[in-house]
């Protein structure tokens, strides 16, 4: 087996699974480590239960780039046309007043 490096770790197994799926979907071989100890959170030191995503050393740079891209926000916030409150790009309704947000340009 080739040497592996950690490109991502999380206290939440679901988050690690999302990263694993993004990597394997892009053709990067990856696996999880410590997945089964995540259920011990609160019983053992917090840093002992982090779920890690590992990739082969030769894929580390590409994998880290994919992880960094996946962690970026989906798009720029946009103002509500009714109350001018800032809303994340993925929202369809304003979180503050409930008004429908205009479709982003593009």
N, C-alpha and C. Protein backbone atom coordinates (compact mmCIF):
# COMPACT_ATOMS: atom_id res chain seq x y z
N UNK A 1 0.83 -1.17 0.00
CA UNK A 1 0.00 0.00 0.00
C UNK A 1 0.89 1.24 0.00
N UNK A 2 0.54 2.25 -0.78
CA UNK A 2 1.34 3.46 -0.84
C UNK A 2 1.07 4.32 0.38
N UNK A 3 1.97 5.24 0.65
CA UNK A 3 1.83 6.14 1.79
C UNK A 3 0.63 7.05 1.57
N UNK A 4 -0.04 7.40 2.68
CA UNK A 4 -1.22 8.25 2.61
C UNK A 4 -1.03 9.48 3.49
N UNK A 5 -1.76 10.54 3.15
CA UNK A 5 -1.75 11.76 3.94
C UNK A 5 -3.19 12.19 4.22
N UNK A 6 -3.37 12.89 5.32
CA UNK A 6 -4.68 13.42 5.69
C UNK A 6 -4.88 14.74 4.95
N UNK A 7 -5.99 14.85 4.21
CA UNK A 7 -6.30 16.10 3.52
C UNK A 7 -7.48 16.83 4.14
N UNK A 8 -8.18 16.14 5.07
CA UNK A 8 -9.33 16.75 5.72
C UNK A 8 -9.65 15.95 6.97
N UNK A 9 -10.09 16.65 8.02
CA UNK A 9 -10.58 15.95 9.20
C UNK A 9 -11.73 16.75 9.80
N UNK A 10 -12.62 16.05 10.47
CA UNK A 10 -13.79 16.69 11.04
C UNK A 10 -14.26 15.92 12.26
N UNK A 11 -14.91 16.61 13.17
CA UNK A 11 -15.52 15.97 14.32
C UNK A 11 -16.83 15.29 13.91
N UNK A 12 -17.32 15.58 12.73
CA UNK A 12 -18.59 15.04 12.25
C UNK A 12 -18.34 14.09 11.09
N UNK A 13 -18.75 12.84 11.27
CA UNK A 13 -18.56 11.82 10.24
C UNK A 13 -19.28 12.19 8.95
N UNK A 14 -20.44 12.82 9.05
CA UNK A 14 -21.20 13.19 7.84
C UNK A 14 -20.40 14.16 6.98
N UNK A 15 -19.73 15.10 7.61
CA UNK A 15 -18.93 16.06 6.85
C UNK A 15 -17.77 15.36 6.15
N UNK A 16 -17.13 14.44 6.84
CA UNK A 16 -16.03 13.68 6.24
C UNK A 16 -16.54 12.84 5.06
N UNK A 17 -17.74 12.29 5.19
CA UNK A 17 -18.33 11.51 4.09
C UNK A 17 -18.60 12.40 2.87
N UNK A 18 -19.03 13.64 3.09
CA UNK A 18 -19.25 14.55 1.97
C UNK A 18 -17.95 14.83 1.22
N UNK A 19 -16.88 15.04 1.97
CA UNK A 19 -15.58 15.28 1.35
C UNK A 19 -15.11 14.02 0.63
N UNK A 20 -15.28 12.87 1.25
CA UNK A 20 -14.90 11.60 0.62
C UNK A 20 -15.64 11.44 -0.70
N UNK A 21 -16.93 11.73 -0.72
CA UNK A 21 -17.72 11.62 -1.94
C UNK A 21 -17.25 12.58 -3.03
N UNK A 22 -16.90 13.79 -2.63
CA UNK A 22 -16.41 14.77 -3.61
C UNK A 22 -15.10 14.30 -4.23
N UNK A 23 -14.22 13.76 -3.39
CA UNK A 23 -12.93 13.29 -3.91
C UNK A 23 -13.08 12.07 -4.81
N UNK A 24 -13.80 11.07 -4.35
CA UNK A 24 -13.94 9.86 -5.16
C UNK A 24 -14.73 10.16 -6.43
N UNK A 25 -15.68 11.09 -6.35
CA UNK A 25 -16.43 11.49 -7.54
C UNK A 25 -15.55 12.17 -8.58
N UNK A 26 -14.47 12.79 -8.12
CA UNK A 26 -13.52 13.44 -9.03
C UNK A 26 -12.40 12.49 -9.44
N UNK A 27 -12.51 11.23 -9.04
CA UNK A 27 -11.51 10.24 -9.44
C UNK A 27 -10.30 10.14 -8.53
N UNK A 28 -10.35 10.77 -7.37
CA UNK A 28 -9.23 10.70 -6.42
C UNK A 28 -9.50 9.55 -5.44
N UNK A 29 -8.62 8.57 -5.39
CA UNK A 29 -8.82 7.48 -4.42
C UNK A 29 -8.68 8.03 -3.00
N UNK A 30 -9.64 7.73 -2.16
CA UNK A 30 -9.63 8.24 -0.79
C UNK A 30 -10.32 7.25 0.12
N UNK A 31 -10.01 7.36 1.41
CA UNK A 31 -10.67 6.51 2.40
C UNK A 31 -10.78 7.27 3.71
N UNK A 32 -11.65 6.77 4.59
CA UNK A 32 -11.85 7.37 5.90
C UNK A 32 -11.06 6.61 6.95
N UNK A 33 -10.60 7.35 7.96
CA UNK A 33 -9.97 6.73 9.13
C UNK A 33 -10.66 7.29 10.38
N UNK A 34 -10.85 6.46 11.37
CA UNK A 34 -11.48 6.83 12.65
C UNK A 34 -12.98 7.00 12.55
N UNK A 35 -13.59 6.50 11.51
CA UNK A 35 -15.04 6.67 11.34
C UNK A 35 -15.82 6.04 12.49
N UNK A 36 -15.40 4.92 12.96
CA UNK A 36 -16.14 4.21 14.00
C UNK A 36 -15.97 4.80 15.39
N UNK A 37 -14.91 5.57 15.62
CA UNK A 37 -14.71 6.16 16.95
C UNK A 37 -15.47 7.48 17.11
N UNK A 38 -16.06 7.98 16.05
CA UNK A 38 -16.79 9.24 16.13
C UNK A 38 -17.93 9.16 17.15
N UNK A 39 -18.49 7.99 17.35
CA UNK A 39 -19.56 7.81 18.31
C UNK A 39 -19.11 7.95 19.76
N UNK A 40 -17.81 8.01 19.98
CA UNK A 40 -17.28 8.16 21.33
C UNK A 40 -17.13 9.62 21.74
N UNK A 41 -17.57 10.53 20.90
CA UNK A 41 -17.44 11.96 21.22
C UNK A 41 -18.06 12.24 22.58
N UNK A 42 -17.34 12.95 23.41
CA UNK A 42 -17.81 13.25 24.74
C UNK A 42 -17.30 12.27 25.78
N UNK A 43 -16.87 11.10 25.33
CA UNK A 43 -16.35 10.08 26.24
C UNK A 43 -14.83 10.04 26.24
N UNK A 44 -14.23 10.48 25.15
CA UNK A 44 -12.77 10.52 25.02
C UNK A 44 -12.39 11.92 24.56
N UNK A 45 -11.11 12.28 24.61
CA UNK A 45 -10.70 13.62 24.17
C UNK A 45 -11.18 13.91 22.75
N UNK A 46 -11.63 15.16 22.54
CA UNK A 46 -12.23 15.54 21.25
C UNK A 46 -11.32 15.30 20.06
N UNK A 47 -10.03 15.48 20.22
CA UNK A 47 -9.13 15.29 19.08
C UNK A 47 -8.90 13.82 18.74
N UNK A 48 -9.35 12.91 19.61
CA UNK A 48 -9.19 11.48 19.36
C UNK A 48 -10.32 10.92 18.51
N UNK A 49 -11.37 11.70 18.29
CA UNK A 49 -12.52 11.18 17.54
C UNK A 49 -12.72 11.88 16.21
N UNK A 50 -11.74 12.61 15.75
CA UNK A 50 -11.87 13.28 14.46
C UNK A 50 -11.81 12.24 13.34
N UNK A 51 -12.73 12.33 12.41
CA UNK A 51 -12.75 11.44 11.25
C UNK A 51 -11.86 12.07 10.19
N UNK A 52 -10.92 11.30 9.67
CA UNK A 52 -9.94 11.82 8.72
C UNK A 52 -10.17 11.24 7.33
N UNK A 53 -9.92 12.07 6.33
CA UNK A 53 -9.97 11.63 4.93
C UNK A 53 -8.52 11.52 4.46
N UNK A 54 -8.15 10.33 4.03
CA UNK A 54 -6.79 10.08 3.57
C UNK A 54 -6.75 9.81 2.07
N UNK A 55 -5.67 10.27 1.45
CA UNK A 55 -5.44 10.02 0.02
C UNK A 55 -3.98 9.61 -0.16
N UNK A 56 -3.67 8.94 -1.26
CA UNK A 56 -2.26 8.64 -1.55
C UNK A 56 -1.45 9.93 -1.68
N UNK A 57 -0.20 9.86 -1.25
CA UNK A 57 0.68 11.04 -1.28
C UNK A 57 0.70 11.69 -2.65
N UNK A 58 0.74 10.87 -3.69
CA UNK A 58 0.83 11.43 -5.05
C UNK A 58 -0.44 12.16 -5.48
N UNK A 59 -1.53 11.99 -4.78
CA UNK A 59 -2.79 12.66 -5.09
C UNK A 59 -3.08 13.82 -4.12
N UNK A 60 -2.19 14.06 -3.17
CA UNK A 60 -2.45 15.02 -2.09
C UNK A 60 -2.71 16.44 -2.60
N UNK A 61 -1.91 16.93 -3.51
CA UNK A 61 -2.09 18.32 -3.99
C UNK A 61 -3.43 18.48 -4.68
N UNK A 62 -3.76 17.55 -5.55
CA UNK A 62 -5.04 17.62 -6.26
C UNK A 62 -6.21 17.48 -5.28
N UNK A 63 -6.09 16.57 -4.34
CA UNK A 63 -7.15 16.37 -3.36
C UNK A 63 -7.34 17.61 -2.50
N UNK A 64 -6.25 18.23 -2.06
CA UNK A 64 -6.37 19.43 -1.23
C UNK A 64 -7.03 20.56 -2.00
N UNK A 65 -6.72 20.68 -3.28
CA UNK A 65 -7.36 21.70 -4.11
C UNK A 65 -8.86 21.45 -4.20
N UNK A 66 -9.26 20.20 -4.40
CA UNK A 66 -10.69 19.87 -4.47
C UNK A 66 -11.39 20.14 -3.13
N UNK A 67 -10.73 19.81 -2.02
CA UNK A 67 -11.31 20.08 -0.71
C UNK A 67 -11.48 21.58 -0.51
N UNK A 68 -10.46 22.35 -0.85
CA UNK A 68 -10.53 23.81 -0.71
C UNK A 68 -11.65 24.40 -1.56
N UNK A 69 -11.80 23.92 -2.78
CA UNK A 69 -12.87 24.41 -3.66
C UNK A 69 -14.24 24.05 -3.11
N UNK A 70 -14.38 22.85 -2.58
CA UNK A 70 -15.67 22.41 -2.06
C UNK A 70 -16.09 23.20 -0.82
N UNK A 71 -15.12 23.73 -0.10
CA UNK A 71 -15.43 24.48 1.12
C UNK A 71 -15.73 25.95 0.86
N UNK A 72 -15.57 26.40 -0.37
CA UNK A 72 -15.88 27.78 -0.72
C UNK A 72 -17.39 27.98 -0.79
N UNK A 73 -17.88 29.15 -0.42
CA UNK A 73 -19.32 29.42 -0.54
C UNK A 73 -19.78 29.28 -1.99
N UNK A 74 -21.03 28.91 -2.16
CA UNK A 74 -21.59 28.65 -3.49
C UNK A 74 -21.60 29.90 -4.37
N UNK A 75 -21.68 31.05 -3.81
CA UNK A 75 -21.71 32.29 -4.57
C UNK A 75 -21.78 33.47 -3.63
N UNK A 76 -21.78 34.63 -4.20
CA UNK A 76 -21.80 35.84 -3.40
C UNK A 76 -23.18 36.05 -2.78
N UNK A 77 -23.18 36.62 -1.59
CA UNK A 77 -24.45 36.98 -0.97
C UNK A 77 -25.18 37.98 -1.86
N UNK A 78 -26.50 38.03 -1.72
CA UNK A 78 -27.28 38.98 -2.51
C UNK A 78 -28.29 39.68 -1.61
N UNK A 79 -28.55 40.94 -1.91
CA UNK A 79 -29.47 41.70 -1.07
C UNK A 79 -30.92 41.38 -1.39
N UNK A 80 -31.76 41.48 -0.37
CA UNK A 80 -33.20 41.30 -0.55
C UNK A 80 -33.76 42.55 -1.23
N UNK A 81 -34.60 42.38 -2.26
CA UNK A 81 -35.16 43.56 -2.93
C UNK A 81 -36.16 44.31 -2.03
N UNK A 82 -36.70 43.66 -1.00
CA UNK A 82 -37.69 44.30 -0.14
C UNK A 82 -37.06 45.00 1.06
N UNK A 83 -36.12 44.33 1.74
CA UNK A 83 -35.58 44.91 2.98
C UNK A 83 -34.08 45.18 2.93
N UNK A 84 -33.42 44.83 1.85
CA UNK A 84 -31.99 45.04 1.63
C UNK A 84 -31.08 44.19 2.51
N UNK A 85 -31.64 43.24 3.24
CA UNK A 85 -30.82 42.36 4.09
C UNK A 85 -30.02 41.41 3.20
N UNK A 86 -28.80 41.11 3.60
CA UNK A 86 -27.94 40.22 2.84
C UNK A 86 -28.36 38.77 3.06
N UNK A 87 -28.42 37.99 1.98
CA UNK A 87 -28.83 36.58 2.01
C UNK A 87 -27.80 35.73 1.27
N UNK A 88 -27.52 34.51 1.77
CA UNK A 88 -26.63 33.61 1.04
C UNK A 88 -27.17 33.31 -0.35
N UNK A 89 -26.29 33.05 -1.29
CA UNK A 89 -26.67 32.83 -2.68
C UNK A 89 -27.67 31.70 -2.86
N UNK A 90 -27.62 30.68 -2.01
CA UNK A 90 -28.50 29.52 -2.15
C UNK A 90 -29.93 29.78 -1.69
N UNK A 91 -30.17 30.87 -0.97
CA UNK A 91 -31.52 31.15 -0.45
C UNK A 91 -32.45 31.61 -1.57
N UNK A 92 -33.69 31.16 -1.51
CA UNK A 92 -34.72 31.59 -2.46
C UNK A 92 -35.63 32.65 -1.84
N UNK A 93 -35.71 32.63 -0.50
CA UNK A 93 -36.51 33.61 0.24
C UNK A 93 -35.60 34.33 1.22
N UNK A 94 -35.90 35.59 1.47
CA UNK A 94 -35.11 36.36 2.41
C UNK A 94 -35.27 35.78 3.81
N UNK A 95 -34.17 35.60 4.49
CA UNK A 95 -34.22 35.04 5.84
C UNK A 95 -34.84 36.03 6.82
N UNK A 96 -34.80 37.31 6.50
CA UNK A 96 -35.29 38.34 7.42
C UNK A 96 -36.78 38.64 7.25
N UNK A 97 -37.20 38.88 6.01
CA UNK A 97 -38.59 39.30 5.80
C UNK A 97 -39.43 38.29 5.03
N UNK A 98 -38.80 37.26 4.44
CA UNK A 98 -39.54 36.24 3.72
C UNK A 98 -39.85 36.57 2.27
N UNK A 99 -39.40 37.72 1.79
CA UNK A 99 -39.66 38.10 0.41
C UNK A 99 -38.90 37.17 -0.54
N UNK A 100 -39.44 37.00 -1.73
CA UNK A 100 -38.77 36.18 -2.74
C UNK A 100 -37.56 36.94 -3.27
N UNK A 101 -36.46 36.25 -3.35
CA UNK A 101 -35.23 36.86 -3.86
C UNK A 101 -35.20 36.75 -5.37
N UNK A 102 -34.67 37.74 -6.01
CA UNK A 102 -34.56 37.72 -7.47
C UNK A 102 -33.51 36.70 -7.87
N UNK A 103 -33.70 36.12 -9.03
CA UNK A 103 -32.74 35.14 -9.53
C UNK A 103 -31.40 35.81 -9.75
N UNK A 104 -30.31 35.13 -9.38
CA UNK A 104 -29.00 35.71 -9.62
C UNK A 104 -28.73 35.83 -11.12
N UNK A 105 -27.98 36.84 -11.51
CA UNK A 105 -27.66 36.99 -12.93
C UNK A 105 -26.85 35.80 -13.43
N UNK A 106 -27.03 35.49 -14.68
CA UNK A 106 -26.20 34.45 -15.21
C UNK A 106 -26.94 33.46 -15.99
